Every structure is written in structure tokens, then in C-alpha cells.
């Protein structure tokens, strides 16, 4: 058995167009390991941890960007309306794993 830290909120980070980083990719991985994985939920309240390593203004800017809808930060990095929630839960997955 392997341990996996997962939440369906990760599927909320959706590309506005065809992109390798998409919910189908996550679902495929979860489906392929579901028979031999123990799935745990991430820690959900991570803001105090974010602020230990990121400037509060940076966190605020990213949150504001997520609230704008679909925005490309560069040619390969985008945020969608669900990105901030998914990203916070990804931080929570790291914390749970540690």
C-alpha cells in the first residue's frame, strides 16, 4: 500500500484551454492507484503556514488573481477560479505528509 493525500478540490484548478495540467490528468492518476492506495485528506487551514514563508502582500496578490477568473501569469502558468483553494490544499497535503 502507498499513502496518497488527495482532495477533489484539486480538480478545481482547471485550464481555460487545452493544457497538460488539467483535472483529467489528476483523475487518471487517482484511478490508476486507487486499488492499492490509502487516501488521506490534506490539512485545510494553512494560511498561518503560508505567511511563514511568503510575504502577506504576495499571498494577497495571488488571492486577488484567483478572483479575477482565468489569468495566465506566464505562457505556461495559469490561475483559475479554483486555483487558490487547490493550492492551499496542496500545501495542506505537504503538511499532512510531513
PDB file of N, CA and C in Angstrom:
ATOM      1  N   UNK A   1       0.834  -1.189   0.000  1.00  0.00           N
ATOM      2  CA  UNK A   1       0.000   0.000   0.000  1.00  0.00           C
ATOM      3  C   UNK A   1       0.882   1.256   0.000  1.00  0.00           C
ATOM      4  N   UNK A   2       0.348   2.277  -0.628  1.00  0.00           N
ATOM      5  CA  UNK A   2       1.001   3.579  -0.603  1.00  0.00           C
ATOM      6  C   UNK A   2       0.021   4.588  -0.017  1.00  0.00           C
ATOM      7  N   UNK A   3       0.533   5.645   0.510  1.00  0.00           N
ATOM      8  CA  UNK A   3      -0.303   6.710   1.033  1.00  0.00           C
ATOM      9  C   UNK A   3      -0.395   7.854   0.047  1.00  0.00           C
ATOM     10  N   UNK A   4      -1.587   8.362  -0.138  1.00  0.00           N
ATOM     11  CA  UNK A   4      -1.833   9.478  -1.040  1.00  0.00           C
ATOM     12  C   UNK A   4      -2.657  10.510  -0.280  1.00  0.00           C
ATOM     13  N   UNK A   5      -2.299  11.742  -0.441  1.00  0.00           N
ATOM     14  CA  UNK A   5      -3.059  12.825   0.171  1.00  0.00           C
ATOM     15  C   UNK A   5      -3.763  13.550  -0.965  1.00  0.00           C
ATOM     16  N   UNK A   6      -5.095  13.517  -0.932  1.00  0.00           N
ATOM     17  CA  UNK A   6      -5.880  13.986  -2.073  1.00  0.00           C
ATOM     18  C   UNK A   6      -7.180  14.628  -1.607  1.00  0.00           C
ATOM     19  N   UNK A   7      -7.638  15.598  -2.390  1.00  0.00           N
ATOM     20  CA  UNK A   7      -8.942  16.213  -2.189  1.00  0.00           C
ATOM     21  C   UNK A   7      -9.516  16.539  -3.571  1.00  0.00           C
ATOM     22  N   UNK A   8     -10.815  16.358  -3.743  1.00  0.00           N
ATOM     23  CA  UNK A   8     -11.443  16.674  -5.030  1.00  0.00           C
ATOM     24  C   UNK A   8     -11.285  18.143  -5.423  1.00  0.00           C
ATOM     25  N   UNK A   9     -10.970  18.988  -4.462  1.00  0.00           N
ATOM     26  CA  UNK A   9     -10.748  20.403  -4.775  1.00  0.00           C
ATOM     27  C   UNK A   9      -9.575  20.588  -5.733  1.00  0.00           C
ATOM     28  N   UNK A  10      -8.668  19.618  -5.791  1.00  0.00           N
ATOM     29  CA  UNK A  10      -7.555  19.720  -6.742  1.00  0.00           C
ATOM     30  C   UNK A  10      -8.075  19.795  -8.174  1.00  0.00           C
ATOM     31  N   UNK A  11      -9.263  19.257  -8.405  1.00  0.00           N
ATOM     32  CA  UNK A  11      -9.859  19.277  -9.742  1.00  0.00           C
ATOM     33  C   UNK A  11     -10.366  20.665 -10.125  1.00  0.00           C
ATOM     34  N   UNK A  12     -10.431  21.580  -9.165  1.00  0.00           N
ATOM     35  CA  UNK A  12     -10.905  22.937  -9.433  1.00  0.00           C
ATOM     36  C   UNK A  12      -9.856  23.809 -10.126  1.00  0.00           C
ATOM     37  N   UNK A  13      -8.627  23.356 -10.159  1.00  0.00           N
ATOM     38  CA  UNK A  13      -7.565  24.063 -10.899  1.00  0.00           C
ATOM     39  C   UNK A  13      -7.694  23.602 -12.350  1.00  0.00           C
ATOM     40  N   UNK A  14      -8.497  24.344 -13.109  1.00  0.00           N
ATOM     41  CA  UNK A  14      -8.843  23.940 -14.474  1.00  0.00           C
ATOM     42  C   UNK A  14      -8.267  24.923 -15.484  1.00  0.00           C
ATOM     43  N   UNK A  15      -7.711  24.403 -16.572  1.00  0.00           N
ATOM     44  CA  UNK A  15      -7.185  25.310 -17.601  1.00  0.00           C
ATOM     45  C   UNK A  15      -8.307  25.920 -18.440  1.00  0.00           C
ATOM     46  N   UNK A  16      -8.088  27.124 -18.949  1.00  0.00           N
ATOM     47  CA  UNK A  16      -9.092  27.761 -19.798  1.00  0.00           C
ATOM     48  C   UNK A  16      -9.099  27.195 -21.217  1.00  0.00           C
ATOM     49  N   UNK A  17      -8.058  26.452 -21.542  1.00  0.00           N
ATOM     50  CA  UNK A  17      -7.953  25.810 -22.866  1.00  0.00           C
ATOM     51  C   UNK A  17      -7.145  24.527 -22.689  1.00  0.00           C
ATOM     52  N   UNK A  18      -6.899  23.832 -23.759  1.00  0.00           N
ATOM     53  CA  UNK A  18      -6.141  22.589 -23.679  1.00  0.00           C
ATOM     54  C   UNK A  18      -4.784  22.835 -23.031  1.00  0.00           C
ATOM     55  N   UNK A  19      -4.495  22.066 -22.005  1.00  0.00           N
ATOM     56  CA  UNK A  19      -3.255  22.227 -21.259  1.00  0.00           C
ATOM     57  C   UNK A  19      -2.932  20.897 -20.597  1.00  0.00           C
ATOM     58  N   UNK A  20      -1.662  20.546 -20.522  1.00  0.00           N
ATOM     59  CA  UNK A  20      -1.251  19.277 -19.923  1.00  0.00           C
ATOM     60  C   UNK A  20      -1.663  19.169 -18.458  1.00  0.00           C
ATOM     61  N   UNK A  21      -1.685  20.294 -17.776  1.00  0.00           N
ATOM     62  CA  UNK A  21      -2.066  20.330 -16.370  1.00  0.00           C
ATOM     63  C   UNK A  21      -3.582  20.537 -16.297  1.00  0.00           C
ATOM     64  N   UNK A  22      -4.320  19.429 -16.143  1.00  0.00           N
ATOM     65  CA  UNK A  22      -5.777  19.510 -16.154  1.00  0.00           C
ATOM     66  C   UNK A  22      -6.386  18.458 -15.236  1.00  0.00           C
ATOM     67  N   UNK A  23      -7.661  18.608 -14.878  1.00  0.00           N
ATOM     68  CA  UNK A  23      -8.290  17.664 -13.955  1.00  0.00           C
ATOM     69  C   UNK A  23      -8.281  16.217 -14.449  1.00  0.00           C
ATOM     70  N   UNK A  24      -8.355  16.008 -15.737  1.00  0.00           N
ATOM     71  CA  UNK A  24      -8.337  14.643 -16.272  1.00  0.00           C
ATOM     72  C   UNK A  24      -7.059  13.905 -15.916  1.00  0.00           C
ATOM     73  N   UNK A  25      -5.976  14.618 -15.901  1.00  0.00           N
ATOM     74  CA  UNK A  25      -4.683  14.029 -15.536  1.00  0.00           C
ATOM     75  C   UNK A  25      -4.695  13.562 -14.078  1.00  0.00           C
ATOM     76  N   UNK A  26      -5.226  14.380 -13.194  1.00  0.00           N
ATOM     77  CA  UNK A  26      -5.313  14.026 -11.775  1.00  0.00           C
ATOM     78  C   UNK A  26      -6.237  12.826 -11.594  1.00  0.00           C
ATOM     79  N   UNK A  27      -7.398  12.858 -12.241  1.00  0.00           N
ATOM     80  CA  UNK A  27      -8.343  11.747 -12.123  1.00  0.00           C
ATOM     81  C   UNK A  27      -7.749  10.438 -12.622  1.00  0.00           C
ATOM     82  N   UNK A  28      -7.003  10.504 -13.699  1.00  0.00           N
ATOM     83  CA  UNK A  28      -6.358   9.310 -14.244  1.00  0.00           C
ATOM     84  C   UNK A  28      -5.367   8.705 -13.250  1.00  0.00           C
ATOM     85  N   UNK A  29      -4.590   9.548 -12.620  1.00  0.00           N
ATOM     86  CA  UNK A  29      -3.614   9.078 -11.632  1.00  0.00           C
ATOM     87  C   UNK A  29      -4.327   8.457 -10.438  1.00  0.00           C
ATOM     88  N   UNK A  30      -5.319   9.133  -9.905  1.00  0.00           N
ATOM     89  CA  UNK A  30      -6.051   8.629  -8.744  1.00  0.00           C
ATOM     90  C   UNK A  30      -6.715   7.297  -9.082  1.00  0.00           C
ATOM     91  N   UNK A  31      -7.321   7.213 -10.252  1.00  0.00           N
ATOM     92  CA  UNK A  31      -7.973   5.969 -10.672  1.00  0.00           C
ATOM     93  C   UNK A  31      -6.975   4.820 -10.778  1.00  0.00           C
ATOM     94  N   UNK A  32      -5.801   5.098 -11.329  1.00  0.00           N
ATOM     95  CA  UNK A  32      -4.820   4.035 -11.549  1.00  0.00           C
ATOM     96  C   UNK A  32      -4.194   3.514 -10.257  1.00  0.00           C
ATOM     97  N   UNK A  33      -4.214   4.286  -9.191  1.00  0.00           N
ATOM     98  CA  UNK A  33      -3.610   3.835  -7.933  1.00  0.00           C
ATOM     99  C   UNK A  33      -4.644   3.491  -6.861  1.00  0.00           C
ATOM    100  N   UNK A  34      -5.917   3.678  -7.166  1.00  0.00           N
ATOM    101  CA  UNK A  34      -6.955   3.542  -6.137  1.00  0.00           C
ATOM    102  C   UNK A  34      -7.032   2.152  -5.506  1.00  0.00           C
ATOM    103  N   UNK A  35      -6.630   1.114  -6.216  1.00  0.00           N
ATOM    104  CA  UNK A  35      -6.711  -0.238  -5.667  1.00  0.00           C
ATOM    105  C   UNK A  35      -5.646  -0.535  -4.620  1.00  0.00           C
ATOM    106  N   UNK A  36      -4.589   0.240  -4.595  1.00  0.00           N
ATOM    107  CA  UNK A  36      -3.517  -0.040  -3.637  1.00  0.00           C
ATOM    108  C   UNK A  36      -3.021   1.208  -2.918  1.00  0.00           C
ATOM    109  N   UNK A  37      -3.932   2.148  -2.721  1.00  0.00           N
ATOM    110  CA  UNK A  37      -3.556   3.386  -2.038  1.00  0.00           C
ATOM    111  C   UNK A  37      -4.467   3.646  -0.840  1.00  0.00           C
ATOM    112  N   UNK A  38      -3.879   4.169   0.175  1.00  0.00           N
ATOM    113  CA  UNK A  38      -4.629   4.689   1.315  1.00  0.00           C
ATOM    114  C   UNK A  38      -4.726   6.191   1.092  1.00  0.00           C
ATOM    115  N   UNK A  39      -5.936   6.700   0.983  1.00  0.00           N
ATOM    116  CA  UNK A  39      -6.124   8.114   0.666  1.00  0.00           C
ATOM    117  C   UNK A  39      -6.483   8.883   1.939  1.00  0.00           C
ATOM    118  N   UNK A  40      -5.709   9.913   2.195  1.00  0.00           N
ATOM    119  CA  UNK A  40      -5.929  10.810   3.338  1.00  0.00           C
ATOM    120  C   UNK A  40      -6.294  12.185   2.806  1.00  0.00           C
ATOM    121  N   UNK A  41      -6.957  12.969   3.617  1.00  0.00           N
ATOM    122  CA  UNK A  41      -7.295  14.348   3.263  1.00  0.00           C
ATOM    123  C   UNK A  41      -6.182  15.290   3.720  1.00  0.00           C
ATOM    124  N   UNK A  42      -5.945  16.374   2.979  1.00  0.00           N
ATOM    125  CA  UNK A  42      -4.954  17.364   3.410  1.00  0.00           C
ATOM    126  C   UNK A  42      -5.460  18.206   4.573  1.00  0.00           C
ATOM    127  N   UNK A  43      -4.554  18.870   5.235  1.00  0.00           N
ATOM    128  CA  UNK A  43      -4.911  19.864   6.245  1.00  0.00           C
ATOM    129  C   UNK A  43      -5.535  21.048   5.502  1.00  0.00           C
ATOM    130  N   UNK A  44      -6.628  21.581   6.016  1.00  0.00           N
ATOM    131  CA  UNK A  44      -7.330  22.625   5.260  1.00  0.00           C
ATOM    132  C   UNK A  44      -6.994  24.058   5.686  1.00  0.00           C
ATOM    133  N   UNK A  45      -6.580  24.266   6.906  1.00  0.00           N
ATOM    134  CA  UNK A  45      -6.303  25.626   7.365  1.00  0.00           C
ATOM    135  C   UNK A  45      -4.791  25.864   7.356  1.00  0.00           C
ATOM    136  N   UNK A  46      -4.288  26.440   6.268  1.00  0.00           N
ATOM    137  CA  UNK A  46      -2.835  26.561   6.104  1.00  0.00           C
ATOM    138  C   UNK A  46      -2.328  27.998   6.023  1.00  0.00           C
ATOM    139  N   UNK A  47      -3.216  28.976   6.166  1.00  0.00           N
ATOM    140  CA  UNK A  47      -2.776  30.364   5.979  1.00  0.00           C
ATOM    141  C   UNK A  47      -1.623  30.759   6.899  1.00  0.00           C
ATOM    142  N   UNK A  48      -1.625  30.300   8.137  1.00  0.00           N
ATOM    143  CA  UNK A  48      -0.516  30.663   9.033  1.00  0.00           C
ATOM    144  C   UNK A  48       0.804  30.106   8.506  1.00  0.00           C
ATOM    145  N   UNK A  49       0.753  28.943   7.855  1.00  0.00           N
ATOM    146  CA  UNK A  49       1.965  28.354   7.281  1.00  0.00           C
ATOM    147  C   UNK A  49       2.400  29.114   6.036  1.00  0.00           C
ATOM    148  N   UNK A  50       1.444  29.526   5.211  1.00  0.00           N
ATOM    149  CA  UNK A  50       1.779  30.321   4.022  1.00  0.00           C
ATOM    150  C   UNK A  50       2.503  31.603   4.421  1.00  0.00           C
ATOM    151  N   UNK A  51       2.014  32.230   5.471  1.00  0.00           N
ATOM    152  CA  UNK A  51       2.582  33.509   5.899  1.00  0.00           C
ATOM    153  C   UNK A  51       3.929  33.355   6.603  1.00  0.00           C
ATOM    154  N   UNK A  52       4.306  32.142   6.925  1.00  0.00           N
ATOM    155  CA  UNK A  52       5.652  31.914   7.478  1.00  0.00           C
ATOM    156  C   UNK A  52       6.716  31.949   6.392  1.00  0.00           C
ATOM    157  N   UNK A  53       6.308  31.664   5.160  1.00  0.00           N
ATOM    158  CA  UNK A  53       7.299  31.602   4.078  1.00  0.00           C
ATOM    159  C   UNK A  53       7.041  32.598   2.949  1.00  0.00           C
ATOM    160  N   UNK A  54       5.850  33.227   2.949  1.00  0.00           N
ATOM    161  CA  UNK A  54       5.533  34.196   1.903  1.00  0.00           C
ATOM    162  C   UNK A  54       5.110  35.520   2.528  1.00  0.00           C
ATOM    163  N   UNK A  55       5.487  36.593   1.886  1.00  0.00           N
ATOM    164  CA  UNK A  55       5.067  37.921   2.292  1.00  0.00           C
ATOM    165  C   UNK A  55       3.538  38.015   2.191  1.00  0.00           C
ATOM    166  N   UNK A  56       2.886  38.632   3.171  1.00  0.00           N
ATOM    167  CA  UNK A  56       1.421  38.761   3.122  1.00  0.00           C
ATOM    168  C   UNK A  56       0.911  39.432   1.842  1.00  0.00           C
ATOM    169  N   UNK A  57       1.672  40.393   1.318  1.00  0.00           N
ATOM    170  CA  UNK A  57       1.257  41.049   0.074  1.00  0.00           C
ATOM    171  C   UNK A  57       1.273  40.084  -1.101  1.00  0.00           C
ATOM    172  N   UNK A  58       2.234  39.178  -1.122  1.00  0.00           N
ATOM    173  CA  UNK A  58       2.302  38.178  -2.196  1.00  0.00           C
ATOM    174  C   UNK A  58       1.083  37.254  -2.128  1.00  0.00           C
ATOM    175  N   UNK A  59       0.749  36.779  -0.941  1.00  0.00           N
ATOM    176  CA  UNK A  59      -0.415  35.905  -0.769  1.00  0.00           C
ATOM    177  C   UNK A  59      -1.679  36.639  -1.201  1.00  0.00           C
ATOM    178  N   UNK A  60      -1.796  37.897  -0.805  1.00  0.00           N
ATOM    179  CA  UNK A  60      -2.961  38.700  -1.192  1.00  0.00           C
ATOM    180  C   UNK A  60      -3.040  38.857  -2.709  1.00  0.00           C
ATOM    181  N   UNK A  61      -1.893  39.123  -3.354  1.00  0.00           N
ATOM    182  CA  UNK A  61      -1.878  39.286  -4.815  1.00  0.00           C
ATOM    183  C   UNK A  61      -2.322  38.009  -5.523  1.00  0.00           C
ATOM    184  N   UNK A  62      -1.857  36.873  -5.047  1.00  0.00           N
ATOM    185  CA  UNK A  62      -2.263  35.605  -5.661  1.00  0.00           C
ATOM    186  C   UNK A  62      -3.754  35.378  -5.452  1.00  0.00           C
ATOM    187  N   UNK A  63      -4.251  35.643  -4.249  1.00  0.00           N
ATOM    188  CA  UNK A  63      -5.693  35.512  -3.988  1.00  0.00           C
ATOM    189  C   UNK A  63      -6.506  36.417  -4.909  1.00  0.00           C
ATOM    190  N   UNK A  64      -6.053  37.648  -5.075  1.00  0.00           N
ATOM    191  CA  UNK A  64      -6.761  38.584  -5.959  1.00  0.00           C
ATOM    192  C   UNK A  64      -6.734  38.091  -7.402  1.00  0.00           C
ATOM    193  N   UNK A  65      -5.622  37.519  -7.821  1.00  0.00           N
ATOM    194  CA  UNK A  65      -5.519  36.990  -9.178  1.00  0.00           C
ATOM    195  C   UNK A  65      -6.510  35.849  -9.377  1.00  0.00           C
ATOM    196  N   UNK A  66      -6.632  34.972  -8.381  1.00  0.00           N
ATOM    197  CA  UNK A  66      -7.600  33.868  -8.474  1.00  0.00           C
ATOM    198  C   UNK A  66      -9.026  34.403  -8.604  1.00  0.00           C
ATOM    199  N   UNK A  67      -9.309  35.502  -7.950  1.00  0.00           N
ATOM    200  CA  UNK A  67     -10.649  36.083  -8.009  1.00  0.00           C
ATOM    201  C   UNK A  67     -10.955  36.755  -9.343  1.00  0.00           C
ATOM    202  N   UNK A  68      -9.952  36.905 -10.188  1.00  0.00           N
ATOM    203  CA  UNK A  68     -10.136  37.554 -11.487  1.00  0.00           C
ATOM    204  C   UNK A  68     -10.615  36.578 -12.560  1.00  0.00           C
ATOM    205  N   UNK A  69     -10.693  35.306 -12.237  1.00  0.00           N
ATOM    206  CA  UNK A  69     -11.076  34.314 -13.239  1.00  0.00           C
ATOM    207  C   UNK A  69      -9.837  33.644 -13.787  1.00  0.00           C
ATOM    208  N   UNK A  70      -9.788  33.477 -15.091  1.00  0.00           N
ATOM    209  CA  UNK A  70      -8.632  32.836 -15.724  1.00  0.00           C
ATOM    210  C   UNK A  70      -7.590  33.878 -16.084  1.00  0.00           C
ATOM    211  N   UNK A  71      -6.383  33.698 -15.554  1.00  0.00           N
ATOM    212  CA  UNK A  71      -5.281  34.625 -15.815  1.00  0.00           C
ATOM    213  C   UNK A  71      -4.030  33.804 -16.051  1.00  0.00           C
ATOM    214  N   UNK A  72      -3.306  34.114 -17.118  1.00  0.00           N
ATOM    215  CA  UNK A  72      -2.007  33.485 -17.352  1.00  0.00           C
ATOM    216  C   UNK A  72      -0.937  34.372 -16.735  1.00  0.00           C
ATOM    217  N   UNK A  73      -0.164  33.814 -15.824  1.00  0.00           N
ATOM    218  CA  UNK A  73       0.943  34.527 -15.198  1.00  0.00           C
ATOM    219  C   UNK A  73       2.122  34.566 -16.152  1.00  0.00           C
ATOM    220  N   UNK A  74       2.309  33.477 -16.882  1.00  0.00           N
ATOM    221  CA  UNK A  74       3.268  33.408 -17.979  1.00  0.00           C
ATOM    222  C   UNK A  74       2.696  32.416 -18.989  1.00  0.00           C
ATOM    223  N   UNK A  75       3.459  32.064 -20.015  1.00  0.00           N
ATOM    224  CA  UNK A  75       2.936  31.213 -21.090  1.00  0.00           C
ATOM    225  C   UNK A  75       2.482  29.834 -20.612  1.00  0.00           C
ATOM    226  N   UNK A  76       3.001  29.366 -19.485  1.00  0.00           N
ATOM    227  CA  UNK A  76       2.669  28.019 -19.031  1.00  0.00           C
ATOM    228  C   UNK A  76       2.021  27.973 -17.650  1.00  0.00           C
ATOM    229  N   UNK A  77       1.896  29.096 -16.988  1.00  0.00           N
ATOM    230  CA  UNK A  77       1.361  29.122 -15.623  1.00  0.00           C
ATOM    231  C   UNK A  77       0.088  29.953 -15.593  1.00  0.00           C
ATOM    232  N   UNK A  78      -1.003  29.301 -15.205  1.00  0.00           N
ATOM    233  CA  UNK A  78      -2.284  29.984 -15.162  1.00  0.00           C
ATOM    234  C   UNK A  78      -2.904  29.825 -13.778  1.00  0.00           C
ATOM    235  N   UNK A  79      -3.851  30.692 -13.491  1.00  0.00           N
ATOM    236  CA  UNK A  79      -4.716  30.519 -12.332  1.00  0.00           C
ATOM    237  C   UNK A  79      -6.148  30.522 -12.840  1.00  0.00           C
ATOM    238  N   UNK A  80      -6.971  29.773 -12.159  1.00  0.00           N
ATOM    239  CA  UNK A  80      -8.394  29.705 -12.462  1.00  0.00           C
ATOM    240  C   UNK A  80      -9.148  30.034 -11.184  1.00  0.00           C
ATOM    241  N   UNK A  81     -10.461  30.162 -11.247  1.00  0.00           N
ATOM    242  CA  UNK A  81     -11.204  30.474 -10.023  1.00  0.00           C
ATOM    243  C   UNK A  81     -10.969  29.467  -8.881  1.00  0.00           C
ATOM    244  N   UNK A  82     -10.631  28.230  -9.186  1.00  0.00           N
ATOM    245  CA  UNK A  82     -10.403  27.229  -8.147  1.00  0.00           C
ATOM    246  C   UNK A  82      -8.958  27.012  -7.767  1.00  0.00           C
ATOM    247  N   UNK A  83      -8.049  27.750  -8.380  1.00  0.00           N
ATOM    248  CA  UNK A  83      -6.625  27.530  -8.144  1.00  0.00           C
ATOM    249  C   UNK A  83      -6.206  27.793  -6.703  1.00  0.00           C
ATOM    250  N   UNK A  84      -6.656  28.873  -6.107  1.00  0.00           N
ATOM    251  CA  UNK A  84      -6.204  29.208  -4.750  1.00  0.00           C
ATOM    252  C   UNK A  84      -6.631  28.148  -3.745  1.00  0.00           C
ATOM    253  N   UNK A  85      -7.853  27.659  -3.858  1.00  0.00           N
ATOM    254  CA  UNK A  85      -8.305  26.600  -2.943  1.00  0.00           C
ATOM    255  C   UNK A  85      -7.468  25.335  -3.156  1.00  0.00           C
ATOM    256  N   UNK A  86      -7.265  24.968  -4.406  1.00  0.00           N
ATOM    257  CA  UNK A  86      -6.469  23.776  -4.710  1.00  0.00           C
ATOM    258  C   UNK A  86      -5.035  23.937  -4.221  1.00  0.00           C
ATOM    259  N   UNK A  87      -4.460  25.122  -4.402  1.00  0.00           N
ATOM    260  CA  UNK A  87      -3.081  25.362  -3.976  1.00  0.00           C
ATOM    261  C   UNK A  87      -2.946  25.311  -2.464  1.00  0.00           C
ATOM    262  N   UNK A  88      -3.908  25.883  -1.768  1.00  0.00           N
ATOM    263  CA  UNK A  88      -3.855  25.824  -0.298  1.00  0.00           C
ATOM    264  C   UNK A  88      -3.954  24.382   0.184  1.00  0.00           C
ATOM    265  N   UNK A  89      -4.808  23.590  -0.449  1.00  0.00           N
ATOM    266  CA  UNK A  89      -4.922  22.190  -0.054  1.00  0.00           C
ATOM    267  C   UNK A  89      -3.674  21.391  -0.456  1.00  0.00           C
ATOM    268  N   UNK A  90      -2.990  21.823  -1.507  1.00  0.00           N
ATOM    269  CA  UNK A  90      -1.709  21.189  -1.847  1.00  0.00           C
ATOM    270  C   UNK A  90      -0.678  21.452  -0.759  1.00  0.00           C
ATOM    271  N   UNK A  91      -0.680  22.673  -0.211  1.00  0.00           N
ATOM    272  CA  UNK A  91       0.181  22.984   0.935  1.00  0.00           C
ATOM    273  C   UNK A  91      -0.219  22.091   2.112  1.00  0.00           C
ATOM    274  N   UNK A  92      -1.520  21.945   2.308  1.00  0.00           N
ATOM    275  CA  UNK A  92      -2.017  21.082   3.376  1.00  0.00           C
ATOM    276  C   UNK A  92      -1.617  19.634   3.189  1.00  0.00           C
ATOM    277  N   UNK A  93      -1.486  19.196   1.947  1.00  0.00           N
ATOM    278  CA  UNK A  93      -1.030  17.831   1.671  1.00  0.00           C
ATOM    279  C   UNK A  93       0.433  17.654   2.080  1.00  0.00           C
ATOM    280  N   UNK A  94       1.242  18.651   1.787  1.00  0.00           N
ATOM    281  CA  UNK A  94       2.647  18.596   2.191  1.00  0.00           C
ATOM    282  C   UNK A  94       2.753  18.545   3.715  1.00  0.00           C
ATOM    283  N   UNK A  95       1.981  19.386   4.380  1.00  0.00           N
ATOM    284  CA  UNK A  95       1.998  19.403   5.838  1.00  0.00           C
ATOM    285  C   UNK A  95       1.528  18.073   6.411  1.00  0.00           C
ATOM    286  N   UNK A  96       0.478  17.504   5.865  1.00  0.00           N
ATOM    287  CA  UNK A  96      -0.025  16.209   6.330  1.00  0.00           C
ATOM    288  C   UNK A  96       1.040  15.125   6.090  1.00  0.00           C
ATOM    289  N   UNK A  97       1.688  15.189   4.945  1.00  0.00           N
ATOM    290  CA  UNK A  97       2.718  14.200   4.630  1.00  0.00           C
ATOM    291  C   UNK A  97       3.904  14.265   5.563  1.00  0.00           C
ATOM    292  N   UNK A  98       4.250  15.476   5.983  1.00  0.00           N
ATOM    293  CA  UNK A  98       5.370  15.632   6.911  1.00  0.00           C
ATOM    294  C   UNK A  98       5.009  15.086   8.278  1.00  0.00           C
TER     295      UNK A  98
END
